[in-house]
Amino acid sequence: MMMAPNTLRCAGSLIRHGVIRFCVASAVATLACACADRTLSPLSITVLDGESNQPIVGARVVADTPSFKHPLSITAAIFKQDGPQSSAAFTGDDGRATVEYLAGHPVRIGVLARGHAMLIRNIDEPWIGVFDLRTDPGEPGTPLRARVEPGR
């Protein structure tokens, strides 16, 4: 049984409109997710001398959130969200600095202090609690400690 040409055109039009509606709905959902992914959360980091446990003033603290969008993502390109998030601060008199990371994503913490070993660590779930990071034994310089906790 053959269908009339008008019936085929009508069916093709419905399919095209259905596909277009699906694409528009997908794009809106993707845009909403892309905006939500940019929520920044604070991390409080206290830097201490690994031997004396005294706070270190003027240490540079960096928090890097790696790229979390596929490089070919259209929404990432539109919103310039395809790169990593980075935040840096220097510790005050109490050895504390506050940096930001992308909420819900892993973060890499780096600490540099004059005369101390360099500390770089990845934290997969920084929002779940307090982390006590230490430099590796044998690193050049005085050992360093960093206490990382969700921001205040």
N, C-alpha and C. Protein backbone atom coordinates (compact mmCIF):
# COMPACT_ATOMS: atom_id res chain seq x y z
N MET A 1 0.84 -1.18 0.00
CA MET A 1 0.00 0.00 0.00
C MET A 1 0.89 1.24 0.00
N MET A 2 0.61 2.16 -0.89
CA MET A 2 1.39 3.39 -1.00
C MET A 2 0.67 4.52 -0.30
N MET A 3 1.51 5.38 0.34
CA MET A 3 0.94 6.55 1.01
C MET A 3 0.92 7.71 0.03
N ALA A 4 -0.04 8.58 0.21
CA ALA A 4 -0.13 9.76 -0.64
C ALA A 4 1.05 10.69 -0.37
N PRO A 5 1.52 11.42 -1.37
CA PRO A 5 2.66 12.33 -1.19
C PRO A 5 2.42 13.35 -0.08
N ASN A 6 1.20 13.85 0.06
CA ASN A 6 0.90 14.82 1.11
C ASN A 6 1.08 14.21 2.49
N THR A 7 0.72 12.93 2.64
CA THR A 7 0.86 12.24 3.92
C THR A 7 2.34 12.11 4.28
N LEU A 8 3.15 11.77 3.28
CA LEU A 8 4.59 11.65 3.53
C LEU A 8 5.20 12.99 3.92
N ARG A 9 4.79 14.07 3.22
CA ARG A 9 5.31 15.40 3.56
C ARG A 9 4.91 15.78 4.98
N CYS A 10 3.69 15.47 5.35
CA CYS A 10 3.19 15.80 6.69
C CYS A 10 3.96 15.01 7.76
N ALA A 11 4.19 13.73 7.51
CA ALA A 11 4.94 12.90 8.46
C ALA A 11 6.37 13.39 8.59
N GLY A 12 7.00 13.75 7.46
CA GLY A 12 8.36 14.28 7.48
C GLY A 12 8.43 15.58 8.25
N SER A 13 7.43 16.42 8.09
CA SER A 13 7.39 17.70 8.81
C SER A 13 7.28 17.47 10.32
N LEU A 14 6.44 16.52 10.71
CA LEU A 14 6.28 16.22 12.15
C LEU A 14 7.59 15.70 12.74
N ILE A 15 8.28 14.86 11.99
CA ILE A 15 9.56 14.32 12.47
C ILE A 15 10.56 15.45 12.62
N ARG A 16 10.64 16.33 11.60
CA ARG A 16 11.58 17.45 11.67
C ARG A 16 11.26 18.35 12.86
N HIS A 17 9.99 18.67 13.07
CA HIS A 17 9.61 19.54 14.19
C HIS A 17 9.90 18.86 15.52
N GLY A 18 9.70 17.55 15.59
CA GLY A 18 10.01 16.81 16.82
C GLY A 18 11.50 16.83 17.11
N VAL A 19 12.30 16.68 16.07
CA VAL A 19 13.75 16.72 16.23
C VAL A 19 14.19 18.11 16.66
N ILE A 20 13.61 19.14 16.04
CA ILE A 20 13.96 20.52 16.40
C ILE A 20 13.59 20.79 17.86
N ARG A 21 12.39 20.38 18.27
CA ARG A 21 11.98 20.59 19.68
C ARG A 21 12.93 19.86 20.63
N PHE A 22 13.34 18.65 20.27
CA PHE A 22 14.27 17.90 21.11
C PHE A 22 15.61 18.63 21.22
N CYS A 23 16.10 19.13 20.09
CA CYS A 23 17.39 19.85 20.09
C CYS A 23 17.31 21.11 20.93
N VAL A 24 16.22 21.85 20.81
CA VAL A 24 16.06 23.08 21.61
C VAL A 24 15.99 22.73 23.09
N ALA A 25 15.23 21.73 23.45
CA ALA A 25 15.13 21.32 24.86
C ALA A 25 16.49 20.86 25.40
N SER A 26 17.24 20.13 24.59
CA SER A 26 18.57 19.68 25.00
C SER A 26 19.51 20.85 25.20
N ALA A 27 19.45 21.82 24.30
CA ALA A 27 20.33 23.00 24.40
C ALA A 27 20.01 23.79 25.66
N VAL A 28 18.73 23.97 25.97
CA VAL A 28 18.34 24.71 27.18
C VAL A 28 18.83 23.97 28.42
N ALA A 29 18.65 22.66 28.46
CA ALA A 29 19.11 21.88 29.62
C ALA A 29 20.63 21.96 29.76
N THR A 30 21.34 21.90 28.65
CA THR A 30 22.80 21.97 28.69
C THR A 30 23.26 23.34 29.17
N LEU A 31 22.60 24.40 28.70
CA LEU A 31 22.95 25.75 29.15
C LEU A 31 22.71 25.90 30.65
N ALA A 32 21.63 25.36 31.14
CA ALA A 32 21.34 25.45 32.57
C ALA A 32 22.39 24.71 33.38
N CYS A 33 22.80 23.55 32.92
CA CYS A 33 23.84 22.78 33.62
C CYS A 33 25.17 23.51 33.58
N ALA A 34 25.48 24.12 32.44
CA ALA A 34 26.76 24.82 32.31
C ALA A 34 26.83 25.97 33.29
N CYS A 35 25.73 26.68 33.46
CA CYS A 35 25.74 27.80 34.41
C CYS A 35 25.86 27.29 35.83
N ALA A 36 25.21 26.20 36.15
CA ALA A 36 25.25 25.66 37.51
C ALA A 36 26.64 25.15 37.87
N ASP A 37 27.39 24.66 36.86
CA ASP A 37 28.71 24.09 37.12
C ASP A 37 29.73 25.13 37.55
N ARG A 38 29.46 26.41 37.42
CA ARG A 38 30.43 27.45 37.72
C ARG A 38 30.32 27.97 39.16
N THR A 39 29.63 27.29 40.02
CA THR A 39 29.51 27.71 41.41
C THR A 39 30.86 27.55 42.11
N LEU A 40 31.33 28.63 42.70
CA LEU A 40 32.60 28.60 43.41
C LEU A 40 32.37 28.38 44.90
N SER A 41 33.21 27.58 45.50
CA SER A 41 33.16 27.32 46.94
C SER A 41 34.50 27.68 47.56
N PRO A 42 34.49 28.24 48.77
CA PRO A 42 35.76 28.60 49.42
C PRO A 42 36.41 27.42 50.11
N LEU A 43 37.73 27.44 50.14
CA LEU A 43 38.52 26.50 50.92
C LEU A 43 39.42 27.32 51.83
N SER A 44 39.42 26.99 53.10
CA SER A 44 40.31 27.64 54.06
C SER A 44 41.54 26.76 54.22
N ILE A 45 42.71 27.33 54.00
CA ILE A 45 43.96 26.57 54.06
C ILE A 45 44.89 27.23 55.06
N THR A 46 45.29 26.46 56.07
CA THR A 46 46.24 26.94 57.06
C THR A 46 47.58 26.27 56.78
N VAL A 47 48.63 27.09 56.63
CA VAL A 47 49.96 26.59 56.30
C VAL A 47 50.84 26.67 57.55
N LEU A 48 51.45 25.53 57.90
CA LEU A 48 52.28 25.45 59.10
C LEU A 48 53.65 24.89 58.78
N ASP A 49 54.64 25.30 59.54
CA ASP A 49 55.97 24.71 59.45
C ASP A 49 55.84 23.26 59.91
N GLY A 50 56.39 22.33 59.13
CA GLY A 50 56.25 20.91 59.44
C GLY A 50 57.01 20.46 60.67
N GLU A 51 57.98 21.23 61.12
CA GLU A 51 58.76 20.86 62.31
C GLU A 51 58.25 21.55 63.57
N SER A 52 57.98 22.85 63.51
CA SER A 52 57.59 23.60 64.70
C SER A 52 56.08 23.76 64.85
N ASN A 53 55.31 23.46 63.80
CA ASN A 53 53.87 23.66 63.77
C ASN A 53 53.46 25.12 63.93
N GLN A 54 54.36 26.04 63.65
CA GLN A 54 54.06 27.47 63.70
C GLN A 54 53.48 27.90 62.35
N PRO A 55 52.54 28.87 62.37
CA PRO A 55 51.98 29.35 61.10
C PRO A 55 53.06 30.01 60.24
N ILE A 56 52.92 29.87 58.94
CA ILE A 56 53.85 30.48 58.00
C ILE A 56 53.16 31.68 57.36
N VAL A 57 53.74 32.85 57.55
CA VAL A 57 53.21 34.10 57.00
C VAL A 57 53.74 34.28 55.58
N GLY A 58 52.87 34.69 54.65
CA GLY A 58 53.29 35.00 53.29
C GLY A 58 53.46 33.82 52.36
N ALA A 59 52.99 32.65 52.73
CA ALA A 59 53.04 31.49 51.83
C ALA A 59 52.01 31.69 50.72
N ARG A 60 52.36 31.31 49.52
CA ARG A 60 51.42 31.40 48.39
C ARG A 60 50.65 30.09 48.29
N VAL A 61 49.33 30.22 48.28
CA VAL A 61 48.44 29.06 48.20
C VAL A 61 47.65 29.16 46.90
N VAL A 62 47.61 28.06 46.15
CA VAL A 62 46.90 28.04 44.87
C VAL A 62 45.94 26.85 44.86
N ALA A 63 44.74 27.09 44.37
CA ALA A 63 43.76 26.02 44.17
C ALA A 63 43.39 26.00 42.69
N ASP A 64 43.62 24.88 42.03
CA ASP A 64 43.31 24.72 40.61
C ASP A 64 42.26 23.63 40.44
N THR A 65 41.18 23.98 39.75
CA THR A 65 40.19 22.98 39.37
C THR A 65 40.44 22.67 37.90
N PRO A 66 40.76 21.41 37.57
CA PRO A 66 41.06 21.08 36.18
C PRO A 66 39.86 21.33 35.27
N SER A 67 40.11 21.38 33.97
CA SER A 67 39.05 21.55 33.00
C SER A 67 38.02 20.45 33.19
N PHE A 68 36.76 20.83 33.18
CA PHE A 68 35.71 19.85 33.43
C PHE A 68 34.74 19.72 32.27
N LYS A 69 34.96 20.47 31.19
CA LYS A 69 34.10 20.38 30.01
C LYS A 69 34.90 19.80 28.86
N HIS A 70 34.25 19.08 28.01
CA HIS A 70 34.89 18.56 26.81
C HIS A 70 35.30 19.74 25.93
N PRO A 71 36.50 19.71 25.35
CA PRO A 71 36.97 20.86 24.58
C PRO A 71 36.10 21.20 23.37
N LEU A 72 35.28 20.28 22.90
CA LEU A 72 34.41 20.55 21.77
C LEU A 72 33.00 20.91 22.20
N SER A 73 32.77 21.09 23.49
CA SER A 73 31.44 21.42 24.00
C SER A 73 31.03 22.82 23.52
N ILE A 74 29.86 22.91 22.92
CA ILE A 74 29.37 24.19 22.41
C ILE A 74 29.11 25.15 23.55
N THR A 75 28.44 24.70 24.60
CA THR A 75 28.13 25.61 25.71
C THR A 75 29.39 26.06 26.42
N ALA A 76 30.39 25.19 26.51
CA ALA A 76 31.64 25.59 27.15
C ALA A 76 32.30 26.71 26.34
N ALA A 77 32.25 26.61 25.03
CA ALA A 77 32.86 27.64 24.18
C ALA A 77 32.07 28.94 24.27
N ILE A 78 30.75 28.86 24.29
CA ILE A 78 29.92 30.06 24.36
C ILE A 78 30.18 30.82 25.66
N PHE A 79 30.22 30.10 26.77
CA PHE A 79 30.36 30.73 28.08
C PHE A 79 31.81 30.80 28.56
N LYS A 80 32.75 30.46 27.68
CA LYS A 80 34.18 30.48 28.05
C LYS A 80 34.44 29.65 29.30
N GLN A 81 33.80 28.49 29.39
CA GLN A 81 33.91 27.63 30.56
C GLN A 81 34.71 26.37 30.30
N ASP A 82 35.48 26.36 29.22
CA ASP A 82 36.17 25.12 28.91
C ASP A 82 37.55 25.04 29.55
N GLY A 83 37.96 26.07 30.22
CA GLY A 83 39.28 26.05 30.85
C GLY A 83 39.17 25.77 32.34
N PRO A 84 40.30 25.64 32.98
CA PRO A 84 40.30 25.38 34.41
C PRO A 84 39.98 26.64 35.22
N GLN A 85 39.64 26.45 36.47
CA GLN A 85 39.43 27.54 37.42
C GLN A 85 40.64 27.59 38.33
N SER A 86 41.17 28.78 38.55
CA SER A 86 42.34 28.91 39.42
C SER A 86 42.12 30.06 40.38
N SER A 87 42.58 29.88 41.62
CA SER A 87 42.45 30.90 42.65
C SER A 87 43.72 30.87 43.49
N ALA A 88 44.23 32.05 43.86
CA ALA A 88 45.46 32.11 44.64
C ALA A 88 45.34 33.16 45.74
N ALA A 89 46.08 32.95 46.82
CA ALA A 89 46.10 33.90 47.94
C ALA A 89 47.39 33.71 48.73
N PHE A 90 47.72 34.70 49.54
CA PHE A 90 48.86 34.60 50.44
C PHE A 90 48.35 34.46 51.87
N THR A 91 49.08 33.70 52.67
CA THR A 91 48.67 33.50 54.06
C THR A 91 48.94 34.77 54.87
N GLY A 92 48.09 34.97 55.87
CA GLY A 92 48.24 36.11 56.77
C GLY A 92 49.05 35.72 58.00
N ASP A 93 48.96 36.55 59.04
CA ASP A 93 49.70 36.31 60.28
C ASP A 93 49.37 34.99 60.95
N ASP A 94 48.14 34.53 60.73
CA ASP A 94 47.71 33.26 61.34
C ASP A 94 48.03 32.06 60.45
N GLY A 95 48.70 32.29 59.30
CA GLY A 95 49.05 31.20 58.39
C GLY A 95 47.89 30.73 57.53
N ARG A 96 46.79 31.49 57.54
CA ARG A 96 45.58 31.06 56.84
C ARG A 96 45.34 31.88 55.57
N ALA A 97 44.88 31.20 54.54
CA ALA A 97 44.47 31.83 53.29
C ALA A 97 43.17 31.19 52.83
N THR A 98 42.36 31.95 52.11
CA THR A 98 41.12 31.40 51.56
C THR A 98 41.20 31.48 50.04
N VAL A 99 40.95 30.35 49.39
CA VAL A 99 40.93 30.25 47.94
C VAL A 99 39.60 29.63 47.52
N GLU A 100 39.29 29.69 46.22
CA GLU A 100 38.04 29.14 45.72
C GLU A 100 38.29 28.03 44.71
N TYR A 101 37.36 27.11 44.63
CA TYR A 101 37.40 26.04 43.64
C TYR A 101 36.00 25.82 43.11
N LEU A 102 35.87 25.11 41.99
CA LEU A 102 34.56 24.83 41.43
C LEU A 102 33.87 23.76 42.26
N ALA A 103 32.74 24.10 42.83
CA ALA A 103 32.00 23.19 43.69
C ALA A 103 31.70 21.88 42.97
N GLY A 104 31.87 20.77 43.69
CA GLY A 104 31.57 19.46 43.15
C GLY A 104 32.64 18.87 42.25
N HIS A 105 33.79 19.52 42.18
CA HIS A 105 34.88 19.04 41.32
C HIS A 105 36.14 18.84 42.14
N PRO A 106 37.03 17.97 41.69
CA PRO A 106 38.32 17.80 42.37
C PRO A 106 39.13 19.09 42.31
N VAL A 107 40.09 19.22 43.21
CA VAL A 107 40.92 20.41 43.24
C VAL A 107 42.37 20.02 43.50
N ARG A 108 43.30 20.77 42.91
CA ARG A 108 44.73 20.56 43.16
C ARG A 108 45.19 21.75 44.01
N ILE A 109 45.79 21.46 45.15
CA ILE A 109 46.28 22.49 46.07
C ILE A 109 47.80 22.57 45.94
N GLY A 110 48.30 23.79 45.80
CA GLY A 110 49.74 24.02 45.78
C GLY A 110 50.11 25.04 46.84
N VAL A 111 51.20 24.79 47.56
CA VAL A 111 51.66 25.72 48.59
C VAL A 111 53.16 25.95 48.39
N LEU A 112 53.54 27.22 48.31
CA LEU A 112 54.94 27.61 48.18
C LEU A 112 55.28 28.56 49.32
N ALA A 113 56.35 28.24 50.06
CA ALA A 113 56.81 29.11 51.15
C ALA A 113 58.33 29.13 51.14
N ARG A 114 58.89 30.30 51.28
CA ARG A 114 60.35 30.46 51.25
C ARG A 114 61.02 29.56 52.28
N GLY A 115 62.03 28.79 51.82
CA GLY A 115 62.80 27.92 52.70
C GLY A 115 62.12 26.60 53.03
N HIS A 116 60.94 26.36 52.48
CA HIS A 116 60.19 25.13 52.77
C HIS A 116 60.04 24.29 51.50
N ALA A 117 59.79 23.02 51.70
CA ALA A 117 59.52 22.12 50.58
C ALA A 117 58.21 22.53 49.91
N MET A 118 58.12 22.31 48.62
CA MET A 118 56.91 22.62 47.87
C MET A 118 55.88 21.52 48.10
N LEU A 119 54.62 21.93 48.27
CA LEU A 119 53.54 20.98 48.51
C LEU A 119 52.51 21.10 47.38
N ILE A 120 52.26 19.99 46.69
CA ILE A 120 51.21 19.94 45.67
C ILE A 120 50.45 18.63 45.87
N ARG A 121 49.15 18.74 46.07
CA ARG A 121 48.31 17.55 46.28
C ARG A 121 46.98 17.71 45.58
N ASN A 122 46.44 16.59 45.12
CA ASN A 122 45.09 16.55 44.55
C ASN A 122 44.12 16.07 45.62
N ILE A 123 42.96 16.72 45.66
CA ILE A 123 41.89 16.30 46.57
C ILE A 123 40.67 16.03 45.70
N ASP A 124 40.20 14.79 45.70
CA ASP A 124 39.08 14.43 44.84
C ASP A 124 37.75 14.99 45.31
N GLU A 125 37.52 15.05 46.62
CA GLU A 125 36.25 15.52 47.17
C GLU A 125 36.51 16.50 48.31
N PRO A 126 36.91 17.74 47.99
CA PRO A 126 37.31 18.69 49.04
C PRO A 126 36.17 19.12 49.95
N TRP A 127 34.94 18.89 49.57
CA TRP A 127 33.80 19.33 50.36
C TRP A 127 33.45 18.37 51.50
N ILE A 128 34.07 17.18 51.56
CA ILE A 128 33.63 16.18 52.54
C ILE A 128 34.23 16.35 53.93
N GLY A 129 35.25 17.20 54.08
CA GLY A 129 35.82 17.36 55.42
C GLY A 129 37.18 18.00 55.40
N VAL A 130 37.93 17.76 56.46
CA VAL A 130 39.24 18.38 56.65
C VAL A 130 40.34 17.44 56.16
N PHE A 131 41.32 18.02 55.47
CA PHE A 131 42.46 17.25 54.96
C PHE A 131 43.74 17.82 55.54
N ASP A 132 44.61 16.96 56.05
CA ASP A 132 45.90 17.38 56.57
C ASP A 132 46.96 16.92 55.57
N LEU A 133 47.54 17.86 54.84
CA LEU A 133 48.51 17.54 53.80
C LEU A 133 49.91 17.81 54.32
N ARG A 134 50.86 16.97 53.92
CA ARG A 134 52.26 17.12 54.32
C ARG A 134 53.15 16.93 53.11
N THR A 135 54.32 17.60 53.15
CA THR A 135 55.29 17.40 52.08
C THR A 135 55.89 16.01 52.21
N ASP A 136 56.39 15.51 51.09
CA ASP A 136 57.01 14.19 51.09
C ASP A 136 58.36 14.23 51.81
N PRO A 137 58.69 13.18 52.56
CA PRO A 137 60.01 13.13 53.19
C PRO A 137 61.09 13.14 52.10
N GLY A 138 62.18 13.80 52.37
CA GLY A 138 63.27 13.84 51.40
C GLY A 138 63.20 15.01 50.44
N GLU A 139 62.08 15.75 50.44
CA GLU A 139 61.98 16.94 49.59
C GLU A 139 62.96 17.99 50.12
N PRO A 140 63.60 18.76 49.24
CA PRO A 140 64.51 19.80 49.72
C PRO A 140 63.74 20.90 50.46
N GLY A 141 64.32 21.39 51.54
CA GLY A 141 63.69 22.44 52.33
C GLY A 141 63.04 21.89 53.58
N THR A 142 62.61 22.79 54.44
CA THR A 142 61.94 22.42 55.68
C THR A 142 60.56 21.83 55.35
N PRO A 143 60.17 20.77 56.05
CA PRO A 143 58.84 20.18 55.80
C PRO A 143 57.72 21.22 56.02
N LEU A 144 56.61 20.99 55.35
CA LEU A 144 55.48 21.90 55.37
C LEU A 144 54.20 21.11 55.61
N ARG A 145 53.27 21.70 56.32
CA ARG A 145 51.94 21.11 56.53
C ARG A 145 50.89 22.09 56.04
N ALA A 146 49.81 21.58 55.52
CA ALA A 146 48.67 22.42 55.13
C ALA A 146 47.39 21.73 55.57
N ARG A 147 46.58 22.46 56.30
CA ARG A 147 45.27 21.96 56.73
C ARG A 147 44.23 22.59 55.82
N VAL A 148 43.52 21.74 55.07
CA VAL A 148 42.53 22.20 54.10
C VAL A 148 41.15 21.83 54.61
N GLU A 149 40.27 22.84 54.67
CA GLU A 149 38.90 22.58 55.12
C GLU A 149 37.93 23.42 54.33
N PRO A 150 36.70 22.93 54.18
CA PRO A 150 35.70 23.72 53.46
C PRO A 150 35.62 25.12 54.08
N GLY A 151 35.47 26.12 53.20
CA GLY A 151 35.54 27.53 53.62
C GLY A 151 34.56 27.94 54.69
N ARG A 152 34.91 29.04 55.26
CA ARG A 152 34.08 29.62 56.33
C ARG A 152 33.39 30.86 55.83
